Amino acid sequence: MRDTLFQLVRVIIRDKHPNRSETDIAKQMEVMREGKIEDWIWLKILDKMYEEADSQVLLEQIKELLNSKPQLDDKALESSRKRLTRE
């Protein structure tokens, strides 16, 4: 599944940037494999993998899930970083 996802991401990037070299695309893909996939790419994935109505339902479910997830504020994040560096 993961390989299929990254093949689709490669196609999406190629569609958006048709003049970009394979080397540049490979570098961008490597960054994504190690980090995160940008939101606009996830939207394209949903559009390509599902019919419009289904992708809209999934998008709404994802938004609800993300909104219900507790978020750390900047102070809490900084505090947790300081605790980690003191150990």
N, C-alpha and C. Protein backbone atom coordinates (compact mmCIF):
# COMPACT_ATOMS: atom_id res chain seq x y z
N MET A 1 0.82 -1.19 0.00
CA MET A 1 0.00 0.00 0.00
C MET A 1 0.87 1.26 0.00
N ARG A 2 1.92 1.24 0.82
CA ARG A 2 2.79 2.41 0.91
C ARG A 2 3.46 2.70 -0.43
N ASP A 3 3.94 1.65 -1.10
CA ASP A 3 4.57 1.84 -2.40
C ASP A 3 3.59 2.40 -3.42
N THR A 4 2.36 1.91 -3.39
CA THR A 4 1.32 2.41 -4.29
C THR A 4 1.05 3.88 -4.03
N LEU A 5 1.00 4.23 -2.75
CA LEU A 5 0.78 5.63 -2.38
C LEU A 5 1.89 6.52 -2.93
N PHE A 6 3.13 6.10 -2.77
CA PHE A 6 4.23 6.93 -3.26
C PHE A 6 4.32 6.95 -4.78
N GLN A 7 3.89 5.91 -5.44
CA GLN A 7 3.81 5.95 -6.91
C GLN A 7 2.78 6.98 -7.35
N LEU A 8 1.66 7.02 -6.65
CA LEU A 8 0.63 8.00 -6.95
C LEU A 8 1.13 9.42 -6.67
N VAL A 9 1.84 9.59 -5.58
CA VAL A 9 2.42 10.90 -5.25
C VAL A 9 3.38 11.34 -6.36
N ARG A 10 4.18 10.43 -6.86
CA ARG A 10 5.12 10.75 -7.95
C ARG A 10 4.35 11.24 -9.18
N VAL A 11 3.25 10.58 -9.51
CA VAL A 11 2.42 10.98 -10.65
C VAL A 11 1.84 12.37 -10.41
N ILE A 12 1.37 12.61 -9.20
CA ILE A 12 0.78 13.92 -8.88
C ILE A 12 1.82 15.03 -9.00
N ILE A 13 3.01 14.78 -8.50
CA ILE A 13 4.07 15.79 -8.61
C ILE A 13 4.45 16.01 -10.07
N ARG A 14 4.55 14.94 -10.84
CA ARG A 14 4.88 15.05 -12.27
C ARG A 14 3.80 15.85 -13.00
N ASP A 15 2.53 15.62 -12.65
CA ASP A 15 1.43 16.37 -13.28
C ASP A 15 1.51 17.87 -12.96
N LYS A 16 1.86 18.17 -11.69
CA LYS A 16 1.90 19.57 -11.29
C LYS A 16 3.15 20.27 -11.83
N HIS A 17 4.25 19.55 -11.94
CA HIS A 17 5.53 20.13 -12.38
C HIS A 17 6.09 19.31 -13.54
N PRO A 18 5.52 19.42 -14.72
CA PRO A 18 5.95 18.57 -15.85
C PRO A 18 7.39 18.82 -16.31
N ASN A 19 7.95 19.98 -16.01
CA ASN A 19 9.31 20.28 -16.45
C ASN A 19 10.37 19.96 -15.41
N ARG A 20 9.96 19.48 -14.26
CA ARG A 20 10.90 19.16 -13.18
C ARG A 20 11.67 17.89 -13.55
N SER A 21 12.95 17.87 -13.26
CA SER A 21 13.78 16.71 -13.61
C SER A 21 13.46 15.53 -12.69
N GLU A 22 13.80 14.34 -13.15
CA GLU A 22 13.60 13.13 -12.34
C GLU A 22 14.42 13.20 -11.06
N THR A 23 15.59 13.83 -11.13
CA THR A 23 16.43 13.98 -9.95
C THR A 23 15.73 14.83 -8.90
N ASP A 24 15.14 15.94 -9.33
CA ASP A 24 14.41 16.81 -8.40
C ASP A 24 13.20 16.10 -7.80
N ILE A 25 12.50 15.37 -8.62
CA ILE A 25 11.34 14.62 -8.12
C ILE A 25 11.79 13.56 -7.13
N ALA A 26 12.87 12.87 -7.43
CA ALA A 26 13.40 11.85 -6.52
C ALA A 26 13.78 12.46 -5.18
N LYS A 27 14.39 13.65 -5.20
CA LYS A 27 14.75 14.33 -3.96
C LYS A 27 13.50 14.68 -3.16
N GLN A 28 12.48 15.21 -3.83
CA GLN A 28 11.23 15.57 -3.16
C GLN A 28 10.55 14.32 -2.59
N MET A 29 10.60 13.23 -3.32
CA MET A 29 10.00 11.98 -2.84
C MET A 29 10.73 11.48 -1.59
N GLU A 30 12.04 11.60 -1.57
CA GLU A 30 12.81 11.17 -0.41
C GLU A 30 12.46 12.00 0.82
N VAL A 31 12.30 13.29 0.64
CA VAL A 31 11.89 14.16 1.76
C VAL A 31 10.53 13.71 2.29
N MET A 32 9.62 13.38 1.39
CA MET A 32 8.29 12.93 1.80
C MET A 32 8.33 11.59 2.51
N ARG A 33 9.20 10.70 2.06
CA ARG A 33 9.32 9.39 2.72
C ARG A 33 9.82 9.54 4.15
N GLU A 34 10.63 10.54 4.40
CA GLU A 34 11.20 10.75 5.73
C GLU A 34 10.35 11.67 6.60
N GLY A 35 9.45 12.42 5.99
CA GLY A 35 8.69 13.40 6.75
C GLY A 35 7.21 13.29 6.52
N LYS A 36 6.66 14.35 5.95
CA LYS A 36 5.22 14.37 5.77
C LYS A 36 4.86 14.71 4.34
N ILE A 37 3.67 14.34 3.98
CA ILE A 37 3.13 14.67 2.66
C ILE A 37 2.27 15.90 2.83
N GLU A 38 2.48 16.88 1.97
CA GLU A 38 1.74 18.15 2.07
C GLU A 38 0.24 17.93 1.88
N ASP A 39 -0.53 18.81 2.49
CA ASP A 39 -2.00 18.69 2.46
C ASP A 39 -2.55 18.66 1.03
N TRP A 40 -2.03 19.50 0.14
CA TRP A 40 -2.57 19.55 -1.21
C TRP A 40 -2.39 18.22 -1.93
N ILE A 41 -1.32 17.49 -1.58
CA ILE A 41 -1.09 16.19 -2.21
C ILE A 41 -2.10 15.17 -1.69
N TRP A 42 -2.40 15.22 -0.38
CA TRP A 42 -3.43 14.31 0.17
C TRP A 42 -4.77 14.55 -0.51
N LEU A 43 -5.10 15.81 -0.76
CA LEU A 43 -6.36 16.11 -1.45
C LEU A 43 -6.38 15.50 -2.85
N LYS A 44 -5.26 15.60 -3.55
CA LYS A 44 -5.17 15.01 -4.90
C LYS A 44 -5.29 13.49 -4.84
N ILE A 45 -4.67 12.89 -3.81
CA ILE A 45 -4.75 11.44 -3.65
C ILE A 45 -6.21 11.01 -3.49
N LEU A 46 -6.93 11.71 -2.61
CA LEU A 46 -8.35 11.39 -2.43
C LEU A 46 -9.12 11.54 -3.73
N ASP A 47 -8.82 12.61 -4.48
CA ASP A 47 -9.52 12.83 -5.76
C ASP A 47 -9.24 11.73 -6.76
N LYS A 48 -7.99 11.24 -6.81
CA LYS A 48 -7.62 10.23 -7.79
C LYS A 48 -8.09 8.83 -7.40
N MET A 49 -8.14 8.56 -6.11
CA MET A 49 -8.46 7.20 -5.66
C MET A 49 -9.96 6.94 -5.51
N TYR A 50 -10.74 8.02 -5.32
CA TYR A 50 -12.16 7.83 -5.03
C TYR A 50 -13.01 8.71 -5.93
N GLU A 51 -14.26 8.30 -6.07
CA GLU A 51 -15.21 9.15 -6.79
C GLU A 51 -15.42 10.42 -5.98
N GLU A 52 -15.91 11.46 -6.64
CA GLU A 52 -16.02 12.78 -6.01
C GLU A 52 -16.82 12.74 -4.70
N ALA A 53 -17.96 12.10 -4.71
CA ALA A 53 -18.80 12.07 -3.50
C ALA A 53 -18.08 11.35 -2.36
N ASP A 54 -17.43 10.23 -2.68
CA ASP A 54 -16.71 9.48 -1.66
C ASP A 54 -15.52 10.26 -1.12
N SER A 55 -14.80 10.95 -2.00
CA SER A 55 -13.65 11.72 -1.54
C SER A 55 -14.08 12.87 -0.63
N GLN A 56 -15.24 13.46 -0.91
CA GLN A 56 -15.75 14.54 -0.05
C GLN A 56 -16.10 14.02 1.34
N VAL A 57 -16.73 12.84 1.39
CA VAL A 57 -17.08 12.24 2.67
C VAL A 57 -15.80 11.94 3.45
N LEU A 58 -14.83 11.34 2.80
CA LEU A 58 -13.56 11.03 3.47
C LEU A 58 -12.86 12.30 3.95
N LEU A 59 -12.87 13.33 3.14
CA LEU A 59 -12.24 14.59 3.51
C LEU A 59 -12.89 15.17 4.76
N GLU A 60 -14.20 15.15 4.82
CA GLU A 60 -14.90 15.65 6.00
C GLU A 60 -14.58 14.81 7.24
N GLN A 61 -14.49 13.50 7.07
CA GLN A 61 -14.14 12.64 8.20
C GLN A 61 -12.73 12.91 8.70
N ILE A 62 -11.82 13.13 7.78
CA ILE A 62 -10.43 13.44 8.15
C ILE A 62 -10.36 14.77 8.88
N LYS A 63 -11.08 15.77 8.39
CA LYS A 63 -11.10 17.08 9.05
C LYS A 63 -11.64 16.97 10.47
N GLU A 64 -12.72 16.21 10.64
CA GLU A 64 -13.30 16.02 11.97
C GLU A 64 -12.30 15.33 12.90
N LEU A 65 -11.63 14.33 12.39
CA LEU A 65 -10.64 13.61 13.18
C LEU A 65 -9.49 14.52 13.61
N LEU A 66 -9.00 15.32 12.68
CA LEU A 66 -7.90 16.24 12.99
C LEU A 66 -8.33 17.31 13.98
N ASN A 67 -9.55 17.80 13.83
CA ASN A 67 -10.05 18.84 14.74
C ASN A 67 -10.30 18.30 16.14
N SER A 68 -10.60 17.02 16.28
CA SER A 68 -10.87 16.46 17.60
C SER A 68 -9.59 16.07 18.32
N LYS A 69 -8.49 16.03 17.60
CA LYS A 69 -7.21 15.68 18.19
C LYS A 69 -6.70 16.83 19.04
N PRO A 70 -6.27 16.56 20.28
CA PRO A 70 -5.76 17.66 21.11
C PRO A 70 -4.47 18.23 20.52
N GLN A 71 -4.38 19.53 20.52
CA GLN A 71 -3.21 20.21 19.98
C GLN A 71 -2.38 20.79 21.12
N LEU A 72 -1.07 20.65 21.03
CA LEU A 72 -0.18 21.28 22.00
C LEU A 72 -0.01 22.74 21.63
N ASP A 73 -0.10 23.62 22.60
CA ASP A 73 0.20 25.01 22.30
C ASP A 73 1.71 25.20 22.33
N ASP A 74 2.19 26.36 21.91
CA ASP A 74 3.62 26.62 21.81
C ASP A 74 4.33 26.48 23.15
N LYS A 75 3.72 26.95 24.24
CA LYS A 75 4.35 26.87 25.56
C LYS A 75 4.50 25.42 26.00
N ALA A 76 3.48 24.62 25.80
CA ALA A 76 3.56 23.21 26.19
C ALA A 76 4.60 22.48 25.36
N LEU A 77 4.68 22.80 24.09
CA LEU A 77 5.66 22.19 23.21
C LEU A 77 7.07 22.56 23.63
N GLU A 78 7.30 23.83 23.91
CA GLU A 78 8.62 24.29 24.35
C GLU A 78 9.00 23.65 25.68
N SER A 79 8.05 23.55 26.59
CA SER A 79 8.29 22.93 27.89
C SER A 79 8.70 21.47 27.73
N SER A 80 8.03 20.75 26.84
CA SER A 80 8.38 19.34 26.64
C SER A 80 9.75 19.20 26.01
N ARG A 81 10.13 20.12 25.14
CA ARG A 81 11.47 20.09 24.55
C ARG A 81 12.53 20.31 25.61
N LYS A 82 12.29 21.26 26.53
CA LYS A 82 13.25 21.56 27.58
C LYS A 82 13.44 20.35 28.49
N ARG A 83 12.35 19.67 28.82
CA ARG A 83 12.46 18.47 29.67
C ARG A 83 13.29 17.41 28.98
N LEU A 84 13.12 17.26 27.68
CA LEU A 84 13.87 16.25 26.95
C LEU A 84 15.36 16.57 26.90
N THR A 85 15.70 17.82 26.79
CA THR A 85 17.12 18.17 26.68
C THR A 85 17.83 18.16 28.02
N ARG A 86 17.10 18.21 29.12
CA ARG A 86 17.73 18.20 30.44
C ARG A 86 18.06 16.79 30.92
N GLU A 87 17.49 15.81 30.32
CA GLU A 87 17.71 14.42 30.77
C GLU A 87 18.98 13.85 30.22
